Protein backbone atom coordinates (compact mmCIF):
# COMPACT_ATOMS: atom_id res chain seq x y z
CA MET A 1 0.00 0.00 0.00
CA PRO A 2 1.50 3.37 -0.98
CA ALA A 3 2.16 5.95 1.70
CA HIS A 4 -0.39 8.71 2.29
CA LEU A 5 0.34 12.04 0.60
CA THR A 6 -1.61 15.30 0.94
CA VAL A 7 -0.71 17.80 -1.77
CA TRP A 8 -1.46 21.50 -1.28
CA TYR A 9 -1.71 23.55 -4.45
CA ASN A 10 -3.08 26.84 -5.74
CA THR A 11 -6.26 26.73 -7.83
CA CYS A 12 -5.92 30.46 -8.60
CA CYS A 13 -2.99 29.66 -10.90
CA PRO A 14 -4.37 28.25 -14.16
CA VAL A 15 -1.16 26.33 -14.90
CA CYS A 16 -1.02 24.80 -11.41
CA ASP A 17 -4.72 23.98 -11.41
CA ALA A 18 -4.55 22.27 -14.82
CA GLY A 19 -1.41 20.35 -13.87
CA ILE A 20 -2.91 19.04 -10.65
CA ASP A 21 -6.19 18.19 -12.38
CA TRP A 22 -4.25 16.18 -14.97
CA GLN A 23 -2.23 14.42 -12.25
CA ARG A 24 -5.30 13.76 -10.08
CA ASN A 25 -7.01 12.02 -13.02
CA LYS A 26 -3.97 9.76 -13.43
CA LEU A 27 -4.09 8.92 -9.72
CA LEU A 28 -7.85 8.50 -9.50
CA ALA A 29 -7.73 5.07 -7.84
CA LEU A 30 -5.38 6.37 -5.12
CA VAL A 31 -7.48 9.50 -4.66
CA ARG A 32 -10.63 7.41 -4.26
CA ALA A 33 -8.81 5.17 -1.76
CA GLY A 34 -7.73 8.24 0.23
CA THR A 35 -4.04 7.50 -0.30
CA VAL A 36 -3.48 10.78 -2.14
CA GLU A 37 -5.36 13.99 -1.41
CA PHE A 38 -5.23 17.25 -3.32
CA ARG A 39 -6.22 20.36 -1.39
CA ASP A 40 -6.64 23.96 -2.50
CA ILE A 41 -4.58 26.22 -0.25
CA ASN A 42 -6.97 29.09 -0.94
CA GLU A 43 -9.66 27.26 1.04
CA GLN A 44 -7.37 26.82 4.08
CA PRO A 45 -4.66 29.50 3.81
CA ASP A 46 -3.13 28.72 7.21
CA ALA A 47 -3.09 24.94 6.76
CA LEU A 48 0.69 24.69 6.77
CA ALA A 49 1.43 27.55 9.15
CA GLN A 50 2.83 25.10 11.73
CA PHE A 51 5.63 24.44 9.24
CA GLY A 52 6.28 28.16 8.73
CA ALA A 53 4.83 28.03 5.19
CA SER A 54 2.93 31.16 4.21
CA LEU A 55 0.14 31.37 1.66
CA ASP A 56 2.57 32.90 -0.84
CA ASP A 57 5.08 30.06 -0.21
CA ILE A 58 2.41 27.54 -1.20
CA ARG A 59 1.26 29.65 -4.13
CA ARG A 60 4.87 29.70 -5.33
CA ARG A 61 5.69 25.98 -4.93
CA LEU A 62 3.81 22.75 -4.38
CA HIS A 63 3.76 21.59 -0.77
CA ALA A 64 2.74 18.21 0.60
CA THR A 65 2.69 16.28 3.83
CA ASP A 66 3.44 12.60 4.01
CA GLU A 67 2.02 9.84 6.20
CA VAL A 68 4.09 10.88 9.23
CA GLY A 69 3.40 14.59 8.83
CA ARG A 70 6.69 15.62 7.24
CA LEU A 71 6.60 18.59 4.87
CA ILE A 72 7.72 18.07 1.28
CA VAL A 73 8.26 21.11 -0.97
CA GLY A 74 8.71 21.92 -4.65
CA ALA A 75 10.27 19.41 -7.01
CA ASP A 76 10.25 16.80 -4.26
CA VAL A 77 6.44 16.84 -4.35
CA ALA A 78 6.45 16.22 -8.11
CA ILE A 79 8.88 13.34 -7.61
CA ALA A 80 6.71 11.84 -4.84
CA LEU A 81 3.67 12.04 -7.14
CA TRP A 82 5.57 10.42 -10.02
CA ARG A 83 6.56 7.56 -7.71
CA LEU A 84 2.88 6.92 -7.01
CA THR A 85 1.62 7.42 -10.57
CA PRO A 86 1.39 4.26 -12.69
CA GLY A 87 3.84 4.48 -15.59
CA GLU A 88 5.67 7.53 -14.22
CA GLY A 89 8.13 5.91 -11.84
CA TRP A 90 10.80 6.40 -14.48
CA LEU A 91 10.36 10.18 -14.17
CA ALA A 92 10.97 9.94 -10.42
CA ALA A 93 14.08 7.83 -11.06
CA LEU A 94 15.39 10.15 -13.77
CA PHE A 95 14.80 13.49 -12.05
CA GLY A 96 14.96 12.38 -8.42
CA ASN A 97 18.24 10.51 -8.37
CA ARG A 98 21.20 11.75 -6.35
CA VAL A 99 22.94 13.30 -9.38
CA ALA A 100 19.94 14.93 -11.08
CA LEU A 101 18.00 16.09 -8.00
CA PRO A 102 19.94 19.35 -7.40
CA VAL A 103 19.38 20.38 -11.04
CA THR A 104 15.74 19.27 -10.91
CA ARG A 105 15.17 21.42 -7.83
CA LEU A 106 16.93 24.42 -9.38
CA VAL A 107 14.91 24.24 -12.61
CA TYR A 108 11.65 23.69 -10.73
CA ASP A 109 12.33 26.64 -8.41
CA ARG A 110 13.17 29.02 -11.27
CA PHE A 111 10.05 27.98 -13.18
CA ALA A 112 7.95 28.35 -10.01
CA ASP A 113 9.38 31.84 -9.43
CA LEU A 114 8.48 32.89 -12.98
CA LEU A 115 5.00 31.39 -12.73
CA PHE A 116 4.40 33.08 -9.36
CA ALA A 117 5.48 36.46 -10.76
CA TRP A 118 3.27 36.01 -13.85
CA ASN A 119 0.24 35.18 -11.69
CA LYS A 120 0.91 38.13 -9.42
CA ARG A 121 1.23 40.51 -12.40
CA SER A 122 -1.99 39.05 -13.79
CA GLY A 123 -3.79 39.98 -10.58
CA ARG A 124 -4.70 36.45 -9.52
CA TRP A 125 -3.74 37.35 -5.93
């Protein structure tokens, strides 16, 4: 049985919302089983305050909590989702290995920064 994962994302960002919707559909069996949850941070803006994560932090990067309550952020959330998604384990292995992970995180963070700035300029928050 896969570990429980709760993913917090931002529905106000059209790119984020579409990406999570696409991923949720691929994980439908796990979502229905309650193994993976997707939650809109705009509905519970203080949900991750105990971790020191602000609303803007979560709007900028994906955040998740695992089965023991640990916080996972950014590219590591995408890798965790790929590990759970049928047929996408190879993506987790390719981008989440010891050599590639620092580059994966850097690229993810730069893209997230650009996307956050675009959404902010567009008046989405």
